């Protein structure tokens, strides 16, 4: 994994078009202790809005957040939005894809149990997302982490909730539908359906983004935010502010 630099833009610039796949938290927005306080980096909304006007650029924001939450936080018309790790994809005022509807009652049941069993643990934030439920523990003392995981495992193994899986990310656990779908498969689906002639470029920072890095390794450009050993990404940048700089420079190249 090599450090991504502006020089790499020459490789990208010669293509017919770019299909940008962008994670939100930790990529377009700095990580924060309270997920409800996450916002786009300063100036990034204007930059992405301008990029989205070019006929040679497609942009999809893909996140573990719910689709409604993601669209509200980004708020840029004309983009493709993919919530719940790509289980729900929305473009031009309509859903292109919804996977996992049948799991919603199970997720609601799991959410109710989590709220009850984690109520006494300090710093925990439970985020219901329709197709999944997240437990944030960035503000929770370390001595409680094993208890949180034990409770989550116990709930996931209950007979009535045995169709969900427990996954982990940066200071977060999630209960998600146990189905053969992830960010990598969602990205490939959207790319081939909407702009297969464009070069896919993926930027992300978390464990769930590794599926997309692997999916696009031979056909696109993959960039991890933050250096990490054993990542499947081809390149890395150090921080979200480097992502903003990348788009600023890309905008300059695409503009007049």
Protein backbone atom coordinates (compact mmCIF):
# COMPACT_ATOMS: atom_id res chain seq x y z
CA UNK A 1 0.00 0.00 0.00
CA UNK A 2 1.56 3.24 -1.20
CA UNK A 3 0.91 6.82 -0.16
CA UNK A 4 -1.53 8.40 -2.61
CA UNK A 5 -0.28 11.67 -4.03
CA UNK A 6 -1.45 14.25 -6.53
CA UNK A 7 0.87 12.61 -9.06
CA UNK A 8 -1.49 9.64 -9.16
CA UNK A 9 -4.13 11.93 -10.69
CA UNK A 10 -2.33 11.68 -14.02
CA UNK A 11 -3.17 7.97 -14.06
CA UNK A 12 -6.80 8.74 -13.25
CA UNK A 13 -7.14 11.76 -15.53
CA UNK A 14 -6.70 9.82 -18.76
CA UNK A 15 -9.80 7.67 -18.27
CA UNK A 16 -13.19 8.14 -19.95
CA UNK A 17 -14.77 9.05 -16.65
CA UNK A 18 -14.60 8.52 -12.89
CA UNK A 19 -17.04 6.71 -10.64
CA UNK A 20 -16.23 7.89 -7.12
CA UNK A 21 -17.37 5.63 -4.27
CA UNK A 22 -17.00 7.42 -0.95
CA UNK A 23 -17.44 6.29 2.63
CA UNK A 24 -18.79 8.95 5.00
CA UNK A 25 -17.54 8.62 8.60
CA UNK A 26 -13.77 8.90 8.81
CA UNK A 27 -13.52 9.75 5.11
CA UNK A 28 -15.74 12.71 4.27
CA UNK A 29 -16.32 13.52 7.92
CA UNK A 30 -13.83 13.30 10.81
CA UNK A 31 -14.64 10.60 13.35
CA UNK A 32 -16.46 11.99 16.38
CA UNK A 33 -17.41 10.50 19.74
CA UNK A 34 -21.12 11.12 19.11
CA UNK A 35 -22.24 9.87 15.65
CA UNK A 36 -25.15 12.32 15.65
CA UNK A 37 -22.64 15.20 15.49
CA UNK A 38 -20.83 14.07 12.32
CA UNK A 39 -20.70 16.65 9.51
CA UNK A 40 -18.92 17.02 6.18
CA UNK A 41 -15.47 18.57 6.23
CA UNK A 42 -15.53 22.36 5.70
CA UNK A 43 -15.82 23.24 2.01
CA UNK A 44 -16.33 19.64 0.93
CA UNK A 45 -20.02 20.04 0.14
CA UNK A 46 -19.24 22.78 -2.36
CA UNK A 47 -16.43 20.76 -3.94
CA UNK A 48 -18.49 17.58 -4.32
CA UNK A 49 -21.48 19.54 -5.62
CA UNK A 50 -19.29 21.01 -8.35
CA UNK A 51 -17.73 17.64 -9.20
CA UNK A 52 -21.18 16.10 -9.54
CA UNK A 53 -22.04 18.53 -12.36
CA UNK A 54 -19.41 17.05 -14.70
CA UNK A 55 -20.70 14.49 -17.19
CA UNK A 56 -17.50 12.48 -16.70
CA UNK A 57 -18.01 12.03 -12.95
CA UNK A 58 -20.43 9.85 -10.98
CA UNK A 59 -20.45 9.94 -7.19
CA UNK A 60 -21.92 7.41 -4.76
CA UNK A 61 -21.78 7.93 -1.01
CA UNK A 62 -21.78 4.52 0.67
CA UNK A 63 -22.03 4.15 4.43
CA UNK A 64 -23.12 1.96 7.27
CA UNK A 65 -25.53 4.71 8.27
CA UNK A 66 -29.19 4.48 7.35
CA UNK A 67 -30.08 5.90 3.97
CA UNK A 68 -32.22 8.67 5.46
CA UNK A 69 -29.47 9.74 7.86
CA UNK A 70 -26.82 9.66 5.14
CA UNK A 71 -28.84 11.76 2.68
CA UNK A 72 -29.59 14.30 5.40
CA UNK A 73 -25.94 14.68 6.44
CA UNK A 74 -24.53 14.97 2.92
CA UNK A 75 -27.43 16.85 1.36
CA UNK A 76 -26.12 17.06 -2.20
CA UNK A 77 -28.67 16.53 -5.01
CA UNK A 78 -27.71 14.31 -7.92
CA UNK A 79 -25.53 11.89 -5.97
CA UNK A 80 -26.18 8.18 -5.55
CA UNK A 81 -26.67 7.23 -1.91
CA UNK A 82 -26.12 3.77 -0.46
CA UNK A 83 -27.06 3.19 3.18
CA UNK A 84 -26.64 0.22 5.50
CA UNK A 85 -23.43 -0.91 3.79
CA UNK A 86 -25.14 -0.92 0.40
CA UNK A 87 -28.37 -2.71 1.36
CA UNK A 88 -30.38 0.30 0.20
CA UNK A 89 -29.33 2.33 -2.86
CA UNK A 90 -31.14 5.51 -3.87
CA UNK A 91 -30.75 7.69 -6.98
CA UNK A 92 -32.93 10.27 -8.73
CA UNK A 93 -35.76 10.15 -6.19
CA UNK A 94 -36.18 6.39 -6.27
CA UNK A 95 -34.75 3.22 -4.80
CA UNK A 96 -32.54 1.24 -7.13
CA UNK A 97 -32.02 -1.56 -4.63
CA UNK A 98 -33.30 -2.70 -1.25
CA UNK A 99 -31.92 -5.90 0.24
CA UNK A 100 -32.95 -7.31 3.59
CA UNK A 101 -36.50 -6.01 4.05
CA UNK A 102 -37.52 -9.33 5.60
CA UNK A 103 -34.96 -8.83 8.38
CA UNK A 104 -36.46 -5.57 9.66
CA UNK A 105 -38.73 -7.20 12.30
CA UNK A 106 -35.76 -9.20 13.59
CA UNK A 107 -33.62 -6.05 13.78
CA UNK A 108 -36.39 -4.25 15.68
CA UNK A 109 -36.54 -7.11 18.17
CA UNK A 110 -32.76 -7.06 18.60
CA UNK A 111 -32.81 -3.28 19.07
CA UNK A 112 -35.36 -3.53 21.87
CA UNK A 113 -33.23 -6.12 23.66
CA UNK A 114 -30.09 -4.01 23.25
CA UNK A 115 -31.77 -0.94 24.71
CA UNK A 116 -32.86 -2.95 27.73
CA UNK A 117 -29.65 -4.90 28.36
CA UNK A 118 -27.18 -2.08 27.67
CA UNK A 119 -29.10 0.58 29.58
CA UNK A 120 -26.75 0.56 32.57
CA UNK A 121 -23.48 0.72 30.62
CA UNK A 122 -22.11 4.28 30.43
CA UNK A 123 -21.32 5.96 27.13
CA UNK A 124 -23.12 3.47 24.89
CA UNK A 125 -25.05 4.90 21.94
CA UNK A 126 -27.54 2.61 20.19
CA UNK A 127 -28.30 3.57 16.60
CA UNK A 128 -31.29 1.82 14.97
CA UNK A 129 -30.86 1.87 11.18
CA UNK A 130 -33.81 -0.11 9.87
CA UNK A 131 -31.83 -2.82 8.12
CA UNK A 132 -29.33 -3.05 11.00
CA UNK A 133 -28.56 -1.70 14.46
CA UNK A 134 -25.27 -0.23 15.67
CA UNK A 135 -23.78 0.02 19.15
CA UNK A 136 -21.23 2.82 19.48
CA UNK A 137 -18.82 2.61 22.40
CA UNK A 138 -16.29 5.37 21.68
CA UNK A 139 -17.24 7.10 24.96
CA UNK A 140 -17.49 3.88 27.00
CA UNK A 141 -14.76 2.93 29.53
CA UNK A 142 -12.68 -0.02 28.32
CA UNK A 143 -13.64 -2.25 31.23
CA UNK A 144 -17.18 -2.53 29.84
CA UNK A 145 -16.25 -3.69 26.34
CA UNK A 146 -16.22 -7.42 27.07
CA UNK A 147 -19.67 -7.13 28.66
CA UNK A 148 -21.01 -5.26 25.62
CA UNK A 149 -19.69 -7.92 23.27
CA UNK A 150 -21.07 -10.73 25.45
CA UNK A 151 -24.53 -9.15 25.41
CA UNK A 152 -24.42 -8.68 21.63
CA UNK A 153 -23.29 -12.27 21.06
CA UNK A 154 -26.03 -13.55 23.34
CA UNK A 155 -28.71 -11.61 21.47
CA UNK A 156 -27.37 -12.66 18.05
CA UNK A 157 -27.52 -16.32 19.11
CA UNK A 158 -31.12 -16.26 20.29
CA UNK A 159 -33.30 -18.58 18.24
CA UNK A 160 -35.68 -15.80 17.18
CA UNK A 161 -32.78 -13.55 16.11
CA UNK A 162 -30.46 -16.13 14.55
CA UNK A 163 -30.52 -14.58 11.09
CA UNK A 164 -28.29 -11.66 12.02
CA UNK A 165 -24.52 -11.47 12.32
CA UNK A 166 -22.29 -9.49 14.66
CA UNK A 167 -19.65 -7.31 12.99
CA UNK A 168 -17.13 -4.81 14.37
CA UNK A 169 -15.65 -1.55 13.12
CA UNK A 170 -13.99 1.52 14.62
CA UNK A 171 -15.46 1.73 18.13
CA UNK A 172 -18.67 0.15 16.89
CA UNK A 173 -20.46 -3.20 16.91
CA UNK A 174 -23.32 -3.95 14.53
CA UNK A 175 -26.03 -6.54 14.18
CA UNK A 176 -26.68 -6.93 10.45
CA UNK A 177 -28.69 -9.35 8.28
CA UNK A 178 -26.84 -12.59 7.67
CA UNK A 179 -26.93 -12.27 3.88
CA UNK A 180 -24.37 -12.44 1.11
CA UNK A 181 -24.11 -8.68 0.61
CA UNK A 182 -21.57 -6.04 1.60
CA UNK A 183 -20.00 -2.79 0.39
CA UNK A 184 -17.91 -4.65 -2.18
CA UNK A 185 -20.89 -6.31 -3.83
CA UNK A 186 -22.91 -3.10 -3.67
CA UNK A 187 -20.14 -1.13 -5.36
CA UNK A 188 -19.75 -3.68 -8.16
CA UNK A 189 -23.52 -3.75 -8.68
CA UNK A 190 -23.78 0.05 -8.93
CA UNK A 191 -20.68 0.41 -11.12
CA UNK A 192 -21.81 -2.20 -13.67
CA UNK A 193 -25.40 -0.92 -13.70
CA UNK A 194 -24.79 2.84 -13.86
CA UNK A 195 -21.40 3.57 -15.45
CA UNK A 196 -19.36 0.45 -16.33
CA UNK A 197 -17.19 2.46 -18.74
CA UNK A 198 -15.92 4.72 -15.93
CA UNK A 199 -12.95 4.01 -13.69
CA UNK A 200 -14.12 3.17 -10.15
CA UNK A 201 -12.27 4.99 -7.36
CA UNK A 202 -13.08 3.97 -3.79
CA UNK A 203 -12.15 5.83 -0.59
CA UNK A 204 -12.85 4.49 2.89
CA UNK A 205 -11.34 4.03 6.31
CA UNK A 206 -13.02 1.14 8.11
CA UNK A 207 -13.17 -2.65 8.21
CA UNK A 208 -16.33 -2.76 6.07
CA UNK A 209 -14.52 -0.83 3.32
CA UNK A 210 -12.06 -3.70 2.92
CA UNK A 211 -14.76 -5.65 1.04
CA UNK A 212 -14.85 -2.84 -1.54
CA UNK A 213 -11.06 -2.62 -1.70
CA UNK A 214 -10.90 -6.32 -2.54
CA UNK A 215 -13.77 -6.13 -5.04
CA UNK A 216 -12.13 -3.30 -7.02
CA UNK A 217 -8.49 -4.25 -6.63
CA UNK A 218 -8.02 -5.39 -10.25
CA UNK A 219 -10.38 -2.94 -11.93
CA UNK A 220 -10.18 0.35 -10.04
CA UNK A 221 -8.27 2.60 -7.68
CA UNK A 222 -8.68 1.97 -3.95
CA UNK A 223 -7.56 4.42 -1.29
CA UNK A 224 -7.65 3.87 2.46
CA UNK A 225 -7.91 6.82 4.84
CA UNK A 226 -5.26 6.04 7.44
CA UNK A 227 -2.39 3.64 6.93
CA UNK A 228 -2.99 0.06 8.06
CA UNK A 229 -1.05 -3.15 7.68
CA UNK A 230 -2.74 -5.90 5.67
CA UNK A 231 -5.29 -3.58 4.06
CA UNK A 232 -6.46 -4.61 0.58
CA UNK A 233 -6.32 -0.98 -0.58
CA UNK A 234 -3.70 -0.01 -3.17
CA UNK A 235 -3.05 3.44 -1.70
CA UNK A 236 -3.58 5.39 1.48
CA UNK A 237 -3.92 8.99 2.62
CA UNK A 238 -3.31 10.00 6.21
CA UNK A 239 -6.45 11.89 7.21
CA UNK A 240 -9.87 13.05 5.97
CA UNK A 241 -8.39 16.48 5.25
CA UNK A 242 -6.21 14.79 2.61
CA UNK A 243 -9.40 13.45 1.03
CA UNK A 244 -10.76 17.00 0.82
CA UNK A 245 -7.53 18.15 -0.81
CA UNK A 246 -7.75 15.29 -3.34
CA UNK A 247 -11.24 16.38 -4.41
CA UNK A 248 -10.20 20.01 -4.56
CA UNK A 249 -7.35 19.19 -6.93
CA UNK A 250 -9.54 16.81 -8.93
CA UNK A 251 -12.10 19.58 -9.31
CA UNK A 252 -9.41 21.87 -10.68
CA UNK A 253 -8.46 19.27 -13.29
CA UNK A 254 -12.04 18.61 -14.32
CA UNK A 255 -13.03 22.28 -14.47
CA UNK A 256 -12.34 24.88 -17.17
